[in-house]
Amino acid sequence: PRCRRRRPRAREMQGPLPPYEVLPAEVSMDELPRSTTVMMEEPPRPPPPRDHLVWSLFTTLYGNFCCLGLMAFVFSVKSRDRKVLGDYSGALSYGSTAKCLNITALVINIVIVIIVITIVA
């Protein structure tokens, strides 16, 4: 004779039932609501990181010393792409690099303007 494996019954697979409250005698089932609504609230998300795209665009157009503005613009676009994909740490990294490049280009352009004004005056 073959050995047959016994399948577990559905009642055995469920485990113990949760405790239930007894319905008071003065409340009838007709008075109770028929459905239950569960509201799930998500925790508030932190604001997405900044990509400094507009600042990089103006740096590229008006003060592109040693292509720093163009590099800042490239990093800003990469930051925006990462933000759209949901990779906030990558977006923060690229955005921070774009910000540093923009600040460097701005400082160099201000120094150049001061030197030109000093020489001409």
PDB file of N, CA and C in Angstrom:
ATOM      1  N   PRO A   1       0.827  -1.180   0.000  1.00  0.00           N
ATOM      2  CA  PRO A   1       0.000   0.000   0.000  1.00  0.00           C
ATOM      3  C   PRO A   1       0.877   1.251   0.000  1.00  0.00           C
ATOM      4  N   ARG A   2       0.362   2.228  -0.669  1.00  0.00           N
ATOM      5  CA  ARG A   2       1.070   3.498  -0.747  1.00  0.00           C
ATOM      6  C   ARG A   2       0.760   4.365   0.468  1.00  0.00           C
ATOM      7  N   CYS A   3       1.738   5.183   0.808  1.00  0.00           N
ATOM      8  CA  CYS A   3       1.512   6.148   1.897  1.00  0.00           C
ATOM      9  C   CYS A   3       0.934   7.412   1.292  1.00  0.00           C
ATOM     10  N   ARG A   4      -0.179   7.812   1.786  1.00  0.00           N
ATOM     11  CA  ARG A   4      -0.806   9.046   1.300  1.00  0.00           C
ATOM     12  C   ARG A   4      -0.577  10.140   2.328  1.00  0.00           C
ATOM     13  N   ARG A   5      -0.137  11.283   1.812  1.00  0.00           N
ATOM     14  CA  ARG A   5       0.063  12.412   2.727  1.00  0.00           C
ATOM     15  C   ARG A   5      -1.268  13.065   3.008  1.00  0.00           C
ATOM     16  N   ARG A   6      -1.472  13.347   4.230  1.00  0.00           N
ATOM     17  CA  ARG A   6      -2.708  13.982   4.638  1.00  0.00           C
ATOM     18  C   ARG A   6      -2.573  15.489   4.438  1.00  0.00           C
ATOM     19  N   ARG A   7      -3.517  16.083   3.731  1.00  0.00           N
ATOM     20  CA  ARG A   7      -3.524  17.532   3.519  1.00  0.00           C
ATOM     21  C   ARG A   7      -4.100  18.210   4.746  1.00  0.00           C
ATOM     22  N   PRO A   8      -3.483  19.336   5.162  1.00  0.00           N
ATOM     23  CA  PRO A   8      -4.064  20.053   6.307  1.00  0.00           C
ATOM     24  C   PRO A   8      -5.360  20.736   5.887  1.00  0.00           C
ATOM     25  N   ARG A   9      -6.291  20.719   6.783  1.00  0.00           N
ATOM     26  CA  ARG A   9      -7.569  21.365   6.524  1.00  0.00           C
ATOM     27  C   ARG A   9      -7.431  22.872   6.667  1.00  0.00           C
ATOM     28  N   ALA A  10      -8.380  23.575   6.089  1.00  0.00           N
ATOM     29  CA  ALA A  10      -8.342  25.036   6.121  1.00  0.00           C
ATOM     30  C   ALA A  10      -8.393  25.557   7.552  1.00  0.00           C
ATOM     31  N   ARG A  11      -9.159  24.932   8.422  1.00  0.00           N
ATOM     32  CA  ARG A  11      -9.289  25.365   9.811  1.00  0.00           C
ATOM     33  C   ARG A  11      -7.952  25.208  10.546  1.00  0.00           C
ATOM     34  N   GLU A  12      -7.200  24.163  10.219  1.00  0.00           N
ATOM     35  CA  GLU A  12      -5.916  23.933  10.877  1.00  0.00           C
ATOM     36  C   GLU A  12      -4.869  24.933  10.415  1.00  0.00           C
ATOM     37  N   MET A  13      -4.950  25.400   9.180  1.00  0.00           N
ATOM     38  CA  MET A  13      -3.969  26.323   8.634  1.00  0.00           C
ATOM     39  C   MET A  13      -4.163  27.748   9.165  1.00  0.00           C
ATOM     40  N   GLN A  14      -5.373  28.122   9.553  1.00  0.00           N
ATOM     41  CA  GLN A  14      -5.646  29.484   9.983  1.00  0.00           C
ATOM     42  C   GLN A  14      -5.044  29.817  11.335  1.00  0.00           C
ATOM     43  N   GLY A  15      -4.979  28.902  12.216  1.00  0.00           N
ATOM     44  CA  GLY A  15      -4.488  29.183  13.556  1.00  0.00           C
ATOM     45  C   GLY A  15      -5.633  29.589  14.452  1.00  0.00           C
ATOM     46  N   PRO A  16      -5.330  30.111  15.630  1.00  0.00           N
ATOM     47  CA  PRO A  16      -6.398  30.476  16.579  1.00  0.00           C
ATOM     48  C   PRO A  16      -7.148  31.713  16.090  1.00  0.00           C
ATOM     49  N   LEU A  17      -8.423  31.757  16.403  1.00  0.00           N
ATOM     50  CA  LEU A  17      -9.268  32.887  16.028  1.00  0.00           C
ATOM     51  C   LEU A  17      -9.043  34.043  16.995  1.00  0.00           C
ATOM     52  N   PRO A  18      -9.157  35.291  16.512  1.00  0.00           N
ATOM     53  CA  PRO A  18      -8.995  36.440  17.407  1.00  0.00           C
ATOM     54  C   PRO A  18     -10.192  36.540  18.361  1.00  0.00           C
ATOM     55  N   PRO A  19      -9.997  37.199  19.489  1.00  0.00           N
ATOM     56  CA  PRO A  19     -11.122  37.328  20.437  1.00  0.00           C
ATOM     57  C   PRO A  19     -12.186  38.273  19.877  1.00  0.00           C
ATOM     58  N   TYR A  20     -13.430  37.929  20.120  1.00  0.00           N
ATOM     59  CA  TYR A  20     -14.558  38.744  19.657  1.00  0.00           C
ATOM     60  C   TYR A  20     -15.332  39.262  20.860  1.00  0.00           C
ATOM     61  N   GLU A  21     -15.953  40.434  20.670  1.00  0.00           N
ATOM     62  CA  GLU A  21     -16.799  40.991  21.709  1.00  0.00           C
ATOM     63  C   GLU A  21     -18.222  40.485  21.518  1.00  0.00           C
ATOM     64  N   VAL A  22     -18.888  40.255  22.619  1.00  0.00           N
ATOM     65  CA  VAL A  22     -20.278  39.822  22.562  1.00  0.00           C
ATOM     66  C   VAL A  22     -21.143  41.053  22.345  1.00  0.00           C
ATOM     67  N   LEU A  23     -22.090  40.951  21.414  1.00  0.00           N
ATOM     68  CA  LEU A  23     -22.984  42.059  21.100  1.00  0.00           C
ATOM     69  C   LEU A  23     -23.989  42.219  22.246  1.00  0.00           C
ATOM     70  N   PRO A  24     -24.123  43.462  22.777  1.00  0.00           N
ATOM     71  CA  PRO A  24     -25.090  43.657  23.863  1.00  0.00           C
ATOM     72  C   PRO A  24     -26.509  43.324  23.390  1.00  0.00           C
ATOM     73  N   ALA A  25     -27.359  42.927  24.329  1.00  0.00           N
ATOM     74  CA  ALA A  25     -28.719  42.482  23.990  1.00  0.00           C
ATOM     75  C   ALA A  25     -29.583  43.621  23.466  1.00  0.00           C
ATOM     76  N   GLU A  26     -29.330  44.867  23.914  1.00  0.00           N
ATOM     77  CA  GLU A  26     -30.183  45.969  23.466  1.00  0.00           C
ATOM     78  C   GLU A  26     -29.828  46.480  22.061  1.00  0.00           C
ATOM     79  N   VAL A  27     -28.747  46.017  21.465  1.00  0.00           N
ATOM     80  CA  VAL A  27     -28.347  46.429  20.113  1.00  0.00           C
ATOM     81  C   VAL A  27     -28.695  45.311  19.148  1.00  0.00           C
ATOM     82  N   SER A  28     -29.375  45.674  18.087  1.00  0.00           N
ATOM     83  CA  SER A  28     -29.682  44.664  17.079  1.00  0.00           C
ATOM     84  C   SER A  28     -28.730  44.826  15.900  1.00  0.00           C
ATOM     85  N   MET A  29     -28.594  43.797  15.109  1.00  0.00           N
ATOM     86  CA  MET A  29     -27.701  43.810  13.954  1.00  0.00           C
ATOM     87  C   MET A  29     -28.176  44.778  12.876  1.00  0.00           C
ATOM     88  N   ASP A  30     -29.479  45.099  12.848  1.00  0.00           N
ATOM     89  CA  ASP A  30     -30.003  46.010  11.831  1.00  0.00           C
ATOM     90  C   ASP A  30     -29.546  47.447  12.070  1.00  0.00           C
ATOM     91  N   GLU A  31     -29.215  47.811  13.298  1.00  0.00           N
ATOM     92  CA  GLU A  31     -28.792  49.168  13.622  1.00  0.00           C
ATOM     93  C   GLU A  31     -27.318  49.417  13.324  1.00  0.00           C
ATOM     94  N   LEU A  32     -26.542  48.382  13.170  1.00  0.00           N
ATOM     95  CA  LEU A  32     -25.104  48.531  12.948  1.00  0.00           C
ATOM     96  C   LEU A  32     -24.805  48.779  11.471  1.00  0.00           C
ATOM     97  N   PRO A  33     -23.738  49.512  11.190  1.00  0.00           N
ATOM     98  CA  PRO A  33     -23.378  49.734   9.779  1.00  0.00           C
ATOM     99  C   PRO A  33     -22.942  48.429   9.120  1.00  0.00           C
ATOM    100  N   ARG A  34     -23.184  48.342   7.821  1.00  0.00           N
ATOM    101  CA  ARG A  34     -22.880  47.116   7.076  1.00  0.00           C
ATOM    102  C   ARG A  34     -21.451  47.074   6.546  1.00  0.00           C
ATOM    103  N   SER A  35     -20.803  48.216   6.473  1.00  0.00           N
ATOM    104  CA  SER A  35     -19.449  48.223   5.929  1.00  0.00           C
ATOM    105  C   SER A  35     -18.540  49.050   6.820  1.00  0.00           C
ATOM    106  N   THR A  36     -17.251  48.852   6.652  1.00  0.00           N
ATOM    107  CA  THR A  36     -16.239  49.567   7.411  1.00  0.00           C
ATOM    108  C   THR A  36     -15.283  50.225   6.433  1.00  0.00           C
ATOM    109  N   THR A  37     -14.930  51.462   6.700  1.00  0.00           N
ATOM    110  CA  THR A  37     -13.970  52.170   5.867  1.00  0.00           C
ATOM    111  C   THR A  37     -12.692  52.364   6.663  1.00  0.00           C
ATOM    112  N   VAL A  38     -11.575  51.972   6.071  1.00  0.00           N
ATOM    113  CA  VAL A  38     -10.274  52.133   6.710  1.00  0.00           C
ATOM    114  C   VAL A  38      -9.526  53.226   5.971  1.00  0.00           C
ATOM    115  N   MET A  39      -9.111  54.253   6.691  1.00  0.00           N
ATOM    116  CA  MET A  39      -8.377  55.365   6.091  1.00  0.00           C
ATOM    117  C   MET A  39      -6.895  55.192   6.413  1.00  0.00           C
ATOM    118  N   MET A  40      -6.090  55.112   5.372  1.00  0.00           N
ATOM    119  CA  MET A  40      -4.640  54.994   5.540  1.00  0.00           C
ATOM    120  C   MET A  40      -4.015  56.344   5.234  1.00  0.00           C
ATOM    121  N   GLU A  41      -3.283  56.893   6.182  1.00  0.00           N
ATOM    122  CA  GLU A  41      -2.616  58.169   5.982  1.00  0.00           C
ATOM    123  C   GLU A  41      -1.126  57.923   5.832  1.00  0.00           C
ATOM    124  N   GLU A  42      -0.561  58.502   4.778  1.00  0.00           N
ATOM    125  CA  GLU A  42       0.874  58.396   4.571  1.00  0.00           C
ATOM    126  C   GLU A  42       1.563  59.508   5.344  1.00  0.00           C
ATOM    127  N   PRO A  43       2.744  59.228   5.865  1.00  0.00           N
ATOM    128  CA  PRO A  43       3.466  60.303   6.545  1.00  0.00           C
ATOM    129  C   PRO A  43       3.876  61.371   5.527  1.00  0.00           C
ATOM    130  N   PRO A  44       3.958  62.616   5.933  1.00  0.00           N
ATOM    131  CA  PRO A  44       4.316  63.670   4.975  1.00  0.00           C
ATOM    132  C   PRO A  44       5.729  63.467   4.440  1.00  0.00           C
ATOM    133  N   ARG A  45       5.871  63.636   3.133  1.00  0.00           N
ATOM    134  CA  ARG A  45       7.183  63.471   2.500  1.00  0.00           C
ATOM    135  C   ARG A  45       7.997  64.742   2.661  1.00  0.00           C
ATOM    136  N   PRO A  46       9.311  64.585   2.782  1.00  0.00           N
ATOM    137  CA  PRO A  46      10.144  65.790   2.806  1.00  0.00           C
ATOM    138  C   PRO A  46      10.136  66.432   1.418  1.00  0.00           C
ATOM    139  N   PRO A  47      10.380  67.730   1.353  1.00  0.00           N
ATOM    140  CA  PRO A  47      10.373  68.375   0.033  1.00  0.00           C
ATOM    141  C   PRO A  47      11.486  67.804  -0.840  1.00  0.00           C
ATOM    142  N   PRO A  48      11.255  67.693  -2.138  1.00  0.00           N
ATOM    143  CA  PRO A  48      12.289  67.142  -3.012  1.00  0.00           C
ATOM    144  C   PRO A  48      13.500  68.076  -3.074  1.00  0.00           C
ATOM    145  N   PRO A  49      14.679  67.519  -3.320  1.00  0.00           N
ATOM    146  CA  PRO A  49      15.881  68.363  -3.367  1.00  0.00           C
ATOM    147  C   PRO A  49      15.846  69.336  -4.545  1.00  0.00           C
ATOM    148  N   ARG A  50      16.503  70.456  -4.394  1.00  0.00           N
ATOM    149  CA  ARG A  50      16.534  71.477  -5.446  1.00  0.00           C
ATOM    150  C   ARG A  50      17.562  71.083  -6.496  1.00  0.00           C
ATOM    151  N   ASP A  51      17.254  71.419  -7.753  1.00  0.00           N
ATOM    152  CA  ASP A  51      18.184  71.072  -8.824  1.00  0.00           C
ATOM    153  C   ASP A  51      18.909  72.285  -9.401  1.00  0.00           C
ATOM    154  N   HIS A  52      18.505  73.510  -9.064  1.00  0.00           N
ATOM    155  CA  HIS A  52      19.161  74.749  -9.478  1.00  0.00           C
ATOM    156  C   HIS A  52      19.263  74.866 -10.996  1.00  0.00           C
ATOM    157  N   LEU A  53      18.243  74.430 -11.716  1.00  0.00           N
ATOM    158  CA  LEU A  53      18.279  74.405 -13.177  1.00  0.00           C
ATOM    159  C   LEU A  53      18.264  75.817 -13.765  1.00  0.00           C
ATOM    160  N   VAL A  54      17.431  76.688 -13.249  1.00  0.00           N
ATOM    161  CA  VAL A  54      17.328  78.048 -13.799  1.00  0.00           C
ATOM    162  C   VAL A  54      18.618  78.824 -13.546  1.00  0.00           C
ATOM    163  N   TRP A  55      19.159  78.682 -12.348  1.00  0.00           N
ATOM    164  CA  TRP A  55      20.419  79.350 -12.017  1.00  0.00           C
ATOM    165  C   TRP A  55      21.527  78.861 -12.941  1.00  0.00           C
ATOM    166  N   SER A  56      21.569  77.564 -13.184  1.00  0.00           N
ATOM    167  CA  SER A  56      22.585  77.006 -14.076  1.00  0.00           C
ATOM    168  C   SER A  56      22.399  77.495 -15.508  1.00  0.00           C
ATOM    169  N   LEU A  57      21.160  77.633 -15.933  1.00  0.00           N
ATOM    170  CA  LEU A  57      20.897  78.133 -17.285  1.00  0.00           C
ATOM    171  C   LEU A  57      21.407  79.568 -17.437  1.00  0.00           C
ATOM    172  N   PHE A  58      21.127  80.434 -16.457  1.00  0.00           N
ATOM    173  CA  PHE A  58      21.615  81.809 -16.531  1.00  0.00           C
ATOM    174  C   PHE A  58      23.133  81.876 -16.423  1.00  0.00           C
ATOM    175  N   THR A  59      23.733  81.014 -15.614  1.00  0.00           N
ATOM    176  CA  THR A  59      25.193  80.983 -15.529  1.00  0.00           C
ATOM    177  C   THR A  59      25.786  80.547 -16.861  1.00  0.00           C
ATOM    178  N   THR A  60      25.133  79.585 -17.526  1.00  0.00           N
ATOM    179  CA  THR A  60      25.615  79.140 -18.837  1.00  0.00           C
ATOM    180  C   THR A  60      25.510  80.259 -19.869  1.00  0.00           C
ATOM    181  N   LEU A  61      24.409  81.003 -19.850  1.00  0.00           N
ATOM    182  CA  LEU A  61      24.195  82.030 -20.867  1.00  0.00           C
ATOM    183  C   LEU A  61      25.007  83.297 -20.605  1.00  0.00           C
ATOM    184  N   TYR A  62      25.146  83.721 -19.348  1.00  0.00           N
ATOM    185  CA  TYR A  62      25.730  85.026 -19.063  1.00  0.00           C
ATOM    186  C   TYR A  62      27.111  84.983 -18.436  1.00  0.00           C
ATOM    187  N   GLY A  63      27.545  83.888 -17.884  1.00  0.00           N
ATOM    188  CA  GLY A  63      28.858  83.871 -17.234  1.00  0.00           C
ATOM    189  C   GLY A  63      29.477  82.495 -17.312  1.00  0.00           C
ATOM    190  N   ASN A  64      29.748  82.040 -18.521  1.00  0.00           N
ATOM    191  CA  ASN A  64      30.220  80.669 -18.715  1.00  0.00           C
ATOM    192  C   ASN A  64      31.742  80.636 -18.717  1.00  0.00           C
ATOM    193  N   PHE A  65      32.360  81.030 -17.600  1.00  0.00           N
ATOM    194  CA  PHE A  65      33.813  81.051 -17.504  1.00  0.00           C
ATOM    195  C   PHE A  65      34.340  79.619 -17.396  1.00  0.00           C
ATOM    196  N   CYS A  66      35.226  79.247 -18.281  1.00  0.00           N
ATOM    197  CA  CYS A  66      35.832  77.895 -18.325  1.00  0.00           C
ATOM    198  C   CYS A  66      34.769  76.794 -18.334  1.00  0.00           C
ATOM    199  N   CYS A  67      33.653  77.052 -18.954  1.00  0.00           N
ATOM    200  CA  CYS A  67      32.546  76.089 -19.083  1.00  0.00           C
ATOM    201  C   CYS A  67      31.969  75.646 -17.738  1.00  0.00           C
ATOM    202  N   LEU A  68      32.178  76.423 -16.688  1.00  0.00           N
ATOM    203  CA  LEU A  68      31.598  76.067 -15.386  1.00  0.00           C
ATOM    204  C   LEU A  68      30.075  76.123 -15.437  1.00  0.00           C
ATOM    205  N   GLY A  69      29.521  77.087 -16.175  1.00  0.00           N
ATOM    206  CA  GLY A  69      28.070  77.198 -16.302  1.00  0.00           C
ATOM    207  C   GLY A  69      27.480  76.007 -17.034  1.00  0.00           C
ATOM    208  N   LEU A  70      28.177  75.573 -18.087  1.00  0.00           N
ATOM    209  CA  LEU A  70      27.700  74.405 -18.838  1.00  0.00           C
ATOM    210  C   LEU A  70      27.753  73.140 -17.981  1.00  0.00           C
ATOM    211  N   MET A  71      28.828  72.993 -17.213  1.00  0.00           N
ATOM    212  CA  MET A  71      28.928  71.823 -16.327  1.00  0.00           C
ATOM    213  C   MET A  71      27.836  71.865 -15.254  1.00  0.00           C
ATOM    214  N   ALA A  72      27.573  73.068 -14.732  1.00  0.00           N
ATOM    215  CA  ALA A  72      26.503  73.212 -13.726  1.00  0.00           C
ATOM    216  C   ALA A  72      25.159  72.852 -14.340  1.00  0.00           C
ATOM    217  N   PHE A  73      24.943  73.264 -15.588  1.00  0.00           N
ATOM    218  CA  PHE A  73      23.682  72.951 -16.268  1.00  0.00           C
ATOM    219  C   PHE A  73      23.532  71.437 -16.463  1.00  0.00           C
ATOM    220  N   VAL A  74      24.615  70.759 -16.837  1.00  0.00           N
ATOM    221  CA  VAL A  74      24.573  69.297 -17.016  1.00  0.00           C
ATOM    222  C   VAL A  74      24.238  68.612 -15.693  1.00  0.00           C
ATOM    223  N   PHE A  75      24.862  69.046 -14.597  1.00  0.00           N
ATOM    224  CA  PHE A  75      24.582  68.440 -13.300  1.00  0.00           C
ATOM    225  C   PHE A  75      23.156  68.755 -12.836  1.00  0.00           C
ATOM    226  N   SER A  76      22.640  69.920 -13.197  1.00  0.00           N
ATOM    227  CA  SER A  76      21.259  70.260 -12.847  1.00  0.00           C
ATOM    228  C   SER A  76      20.270  69.361 -13.570  1.00  0.00           C
ATOM    229  N   VAL A  77      20.543  69.096 -14.850  1.00  0.00           N
ATOM    230  CA  VAL A  77      19.659  68.201 -15.614  1.00  0.00           C
ATOM    231  C   VAL A  77      19.730  66.791 -15.041  1.00  0.00           C
ATOM    232  N   LYS A  78      20.919  66.336 -14.670  1.00  0.00           N
ATOM    233  CA  LYS A  78      21.049  65.014 -14.038  1.00  0.00           C
ATOM    234  C   LYS A  78      20.283  64.963 -12.716  1.00  0.00           C
ATOM    235  N   SER A  79      20.342  66.054 -11.957  1.00  0.00           N
ATOM    236  CA  SER A  79      19.617  66.109 -10.693  1.00  0.00           C
ATOM    237  C   SER A  79      18.116  66.039 -10.921  1.00  0.00           C
ATOM    238  N   ARG A  80      17.628  66.755 -11.938  1.00  0.00           N
ATOM    239  CA  ARG A  80      16.195  66.717 -12.234  1.00  0.00           C
ATOM    240  C   ARG A  80      15.776  65.312 -12.667  1.00  0.00           C
ATOM    241  N   ASP A  81      16.595  64.630 -13.477  1.00  0.00           N
ATOM    242  CA  ASP A  81      16.281  63.261 -13.900  1.00  0.00           C
ATOM    243  C   ASP A  81      16.200  62.322 -12.703  1.00  0.00           C
ATOM    244  N   ARG A  82      17.144  62.449 -11.774  1.00  0.00           N
ATOM    245  CA  ARG A  82      17.129  61.601 -10.577  1.00  0.00           C
ATOM    246  C   ARG A  82      15.899  61.882  -9.724  1.00  0.00           C
ATOM    247  N   LYS A  83      15.511  63.156  -9.648  1.00  0.00           N
ATOM    248  CA  LYS A  83      14.335  63.523  -8.852  1.00  0.00           C
ATOM    249  C   LYS A  83      13.072  62.927  -9.456  1.00  0.00           C
ATOM    250  N   VAL A  84      12.984  62.931 -10.785  1.00  0.00           N
ATOM    251  CA  VAL A  84      11.807  62.357 -11.455  1.00  0.00           C
ATOM    252  C   VAL A  84      11.750  60.849 -11.222  1.00  0.00           C
ATOM    253  N   LEU A  85      12.909  60.194 -11.184  1.00  0.00           N
ATOM    254  CA  LEU A  85      12.942  58.745 -10.957  1.00  0.00           C
ATOM    255  C   LEU A  85      12.719  58.372  -9.499  1.00  0.00           C
ATOM    256  N   GLY A  86      12.756  59.356  -8.599  1.00  0.00           N
ATOM    257  CA  GLY A  86      12.521  59.071  -7.181  1.00  0.00           C
ATOM    258  C   GLY A  86      13.791  58.829  -6.393  1.00  0.00           C
ATOM    259  N   ASP A  87      14.960  58.974  -7.020  1.00  0.00           N
ATOM    260  CA  ASP A  87      16.238  58.781  -6.336  1.00  0.00           C
ATOM    261  C   ASP A  87      16.648  60.114  -5.718  1.00  0.00           C
ATOM    262  N   TYR A  88      16.153  60.386  -4.503  1.00  0.00           N
ATOM    263  CA  TYR A  88      16.382  61.687  -3.893  1.00  0.00           C
ATOM    264  C   TYR A  88      17.823  61.871  -3.435  1.00  0.00           C
ATOM    265  N   SER A  89      18.509  60.807  -3.057  1.00  0.00           N
ATOM    266  CA  SER A  89      19.902  60.965  -2.634  1.00  0.00           C
ATOM    267  C   SER A  89      20.785  61.311  -3.838  1.00  0.00           C
ATOM    268  N   GLY A  90      20.537  60.675  -4.985  1.00  0.00           N
ATOM    269  CA  GLY A  90      21.290  61.021  -6.193  1.00  0.00           C
ATOM    270  C   GLY A  90      20.979  62.429  -6.655  1.00  0.00           C
ATOM    271  N   ALA A  91      19.702  62.820  -6.567  1.00  0.00           N
ATOM    272  CA  ALA A  91      19.308  64.174  -6.957  1.00  0.00           C
ATOM    273  C   ALA A  91      19.955  65.208  -6.047  1.00  0.00           C
ATOM    274  N   LEU A  92      20.039  64.903  -4.760  1.00  0.00           N
ATOM    275  CA  LEU A  92      20.670  65.817  -3.820  1.00  0.00           C
ATOM    276  C   LEU A  92      22.156  65.979  -4.125  1.00  0.00           C
ATOM    277  N   SER A  93      22.812  64.882  -4.476  1.00  0.00           N
ATOM    278  CA  SER A  93      24.236  64.928  -4.796  1.00  0.00           C
ATOM    279  C   SER A  93      24.497  65.756  -6.052  1.00  0.00           C
ATOM    280  N   TYR A  94      23.755  65.481  -7.124  1.00  0.00           N
ATOM    281  CA  TYR A  94      23.941  66.233  -8.363  1.00  0.00           C
ATOM    282  C   TYR A  94      23.558  67.705  -8.184  1.00  0.00           C
ATOM    283  N   GLY A  95      22.496  67.971  -7.438  1.00  0.00           N
ATOM    284  CA  GLY A  95      22.080  69.345  -7.188  1.00  0.00           C
ATOM    285  C   GLY A  95      23.109  70.123  -6.387  1.00  0.00           C
ATOM    286  N   SER A  96      23.737  69.454  -5.432  1.00  0.00           N
ATOM    287  CA  SER A  96      24.774  70.092  -4.633  1.00  0.00           C
ATOM    288  C   SER A  96      25.989  70.437  -5.498  1.00  0.00           C
ATOM    289  N   THR A  97      26.350  69.525  -6.399  1.00  0.00           N
ATOM    290  CA  THR A  97      27.472  69.793  -7.310  1.00  0.00           C
ATOM    291  C   THR A  97      27.147  70.963  -8.226  1.00  0.00           C
ATOM    292  N   ALA A  98      25.928  71.022  -8.748  1.00  0.00           N
ATOM    293  CA  ALA A  98      25.522  72.134  -9.612  1.00  0.00           C
ATOM    294  C   ALA A  98      25.569  73.451  -8.845  1.00  0.00           C
ATOM    295  N   LYS A  99      25.141  73.430  -7.592  1.00  0.00           N
ATOM    296  CA  LYS A  99      25.162  74.648  -6.775  1.00  0.00           C
ATOM    297  C   LYS A  99      26.593  75.139  -6.567  1.00  0.00           C
ATOM    298  N   CYS A 100      27.511  74.215  -6.260  1.00  0.00           N
ATOM    299  CA  CYS A 100      28.914  74.597  -6.058  1.00  0.00           C
ATOM    300  C   CYS A 100      29.523  75.170  -7.339  1.00  0.00           C
ATOM    301  N   LEU A 101      29.222  74.551  -8.476  1.00  0.00           N
ATOM    302  CA  LEU A 101      29.734  75.062  -9.748  1.00  0.00           C
ATOM    303  C   LEU A 101      29.161  76.442 -10.057  1.00  0.00           C
ATOM    304  N   ASN A 102      27.882  76.660  -9.767  1.00  0.00           N
ATOM    305  CA  ASN A 102      27.268  77.968  -9.991  1.00  0.00           C
ATOM    306  C   ASN A 102      27.897  79.035  -9.105  1.00  0.00           C
ATOM    307  N   ILE A 103      28.137  78.714  -7.848  1.00  0.00           N
ATOM    308  CA  ILE A 103      28.752  79.671  -6.933  1.00  0.00           C
ATOM    309  C   ILE A 103      30.169  80.002  -7.395  1.00  0.00           C
ATOM    310  N   THR A 104      30.925  78.988  -7.805  1.00  0.00           N
ATOM    311  CA  THR A 104      32.290  79.213  -8.286  1.00  0.00           C
ATOM    312  C   THR A 104      32.298  80.107  -9.522  1.00  0.00           C
ATOM    313  N   ALA A 105      31.410  79.822 -10.474  1.00  0.00           N
ATOM    314  CA  ALA A 105      31.338  80.650 -11.680  1.00  0.00           C
ATOM    315  C   ALA A 105      30.929  82.076 -11.337  1.00  0.00           C
ATOM    316  N   LEU A 106      29.998  82.249 -10.395  1.00  0.00           N
ATOM    317  CA  LEU A 106      29.560  83.581  -9.999  1.00  0.00           C
ATOM    318  C   LEU A 106      30.696  84.372  -9.370  1.00  0.00           C
ATOM    319  N   VAL A 107      31.456  83.745  -8.468  1.00  0.00           N
ATOM    320  CA  VAL A 107      32.569  84.430  -7.800  1.00  0.00           C
ATOM    321  C   VAL A 107      33.640  84.814  -8.823  1.00  0.00           C
ATOM    322  N   ILE A 108      33.969  83.910  -9.725  1.00  0.00           N
ATOM    323  CA  ILE A 108      34.983  84.214 -10.752  1.00  0.00           C
ATOM    324  C   ILE A 108      34.513  85.361 -11.638  1.00  0.00           C
ATOM    325  N   ASN A 109      33.233  85.358 -12.026  1.00  0.00           N
ATOM    326  CA  ASN A 109      32.711  86.443 -12.867  1.00  0.00           C
ATOM    327  C   ASN A 109      32.721  87.782 -12.130  1.00  0.00           C
ATOM    328  N   ILE A 110      32.412  87.785 -10.843  1.00  0.00           N
ATOM    329  CA  ILE A 110      32.454  89.030 -10.066  1.00  0.00           C
ATOM    330  C   ILE A 110      33.885  89.543  -9.975  1.00  0.00           C
ATOM    331  N   VAL A 111      34.840  88.651  -9.757  1.00  0.00           N
ATOM    332  CA  VAL A 111      36.256  89.048  -9.696  1.00  0.00           C
ATOM    333  C   VAL A 111      36.702  89.618 -11.038  1.00  0.00           C
ATOM    334  N   ILE A 112      36.307  88.990 -12.142  1.00  0.00           N
ATOM    335  CA  ILE A 112      36.676  89.488 -13.474  1.00  0.00           C
ATOM    336  C   ILE A 112      36.083  90.878 -13.707  1.00  0.00           C
ATOM    337  N   VAL A 113      34.831  91.091 -13.332  1.00  0.00           N
ATOM    338  CA  VAL A 113      34.207  92.402 -13.500  1.00  0.00           C
ATOM    339  C   VAL A 113      34.938  93.453 -12.666  1.00  0.00           C
ATOM    340  N   ILE A 114      35.292  93.110 -11.441  1.00  0.00           N
ATOM    341  CA  ILE A 114      36.017  94.058 -10.583  1.00  0.00           C
ATOM    342  C   ILE A 114      37.383  94.389 -11.182  1.00  0.00           C
ATOM    343  N   ILE A 115      38.077  93.378 -11.712  1.00  0.00           N
ATOM    344  CA  ILE A 115      39.390  93.617 -12.324  1.00  0.00           C
ATOM    345  C   ILE A 115      39.245  94.502 -13.567  1.00  0.00           C
ATOM    346  N   VAL A 116      38.247  94.240 -14.403  1.00  0.00           N
ATOM    347  CA  VAL A 116      38.047  95.047 -15.605  1.00  0.00           C
ATOM    348  C   VAL A 116      37.698  96.477 -15.243  1.00  0.00           C
ATOM    349  N   ILE A 117      36.836  96.684 -14.256  1.00  0.00           N
ATOM    350  CA  ILE A 117      36.471  98.041 -13.838  1.00  0.00           C
ATOM    351  C   ILE A 117      37.695  98.763 -13.273  1.00  0.00           C
ATOM    352  N   THR A 118      38.528  98.058 -12.510  1.00  0.00           N
ATOM    353  CA  THR A 118      39.732  98.654 -11.928  1.00  0.00           C
ATOM    354  C   THR A 118      40.718  99.058 -13.023  1.00  0.00           C
ATOM    355  N   ILE A 119      40.898  98.214 -14.021  1.00  0.00           N
ATOM    356  CA  ILE A 119      41.855  98.513 -15.089  1.00  0.00           C
ATOM    357  C   ILE A 119      41.354  99.675 -15.956  1.00  0.00           C
ATOM    358  N   VAL A 120      40.071  99.661 -16.294  1.00  0.00           N
ATOM    359  CA  VAL A 120      39.514 100.698 -17.170  1.00  0.00           C
ATOM    360  C   VAL A 120      39.444 102.046 -16.448  1.00  0.00           C
ATOM    361  N   ALA A 121      39.140 102.053 -15.178  1.00  0.00           N
ATOM    362  CA  ALA A 121      38.958 103.313 -14.447  1.00  0.00           C
ATOM    363  C   ALA A 121      40.235 103.930 -14.089  1.00  0.00           C
TER     364      ALA A 121
END
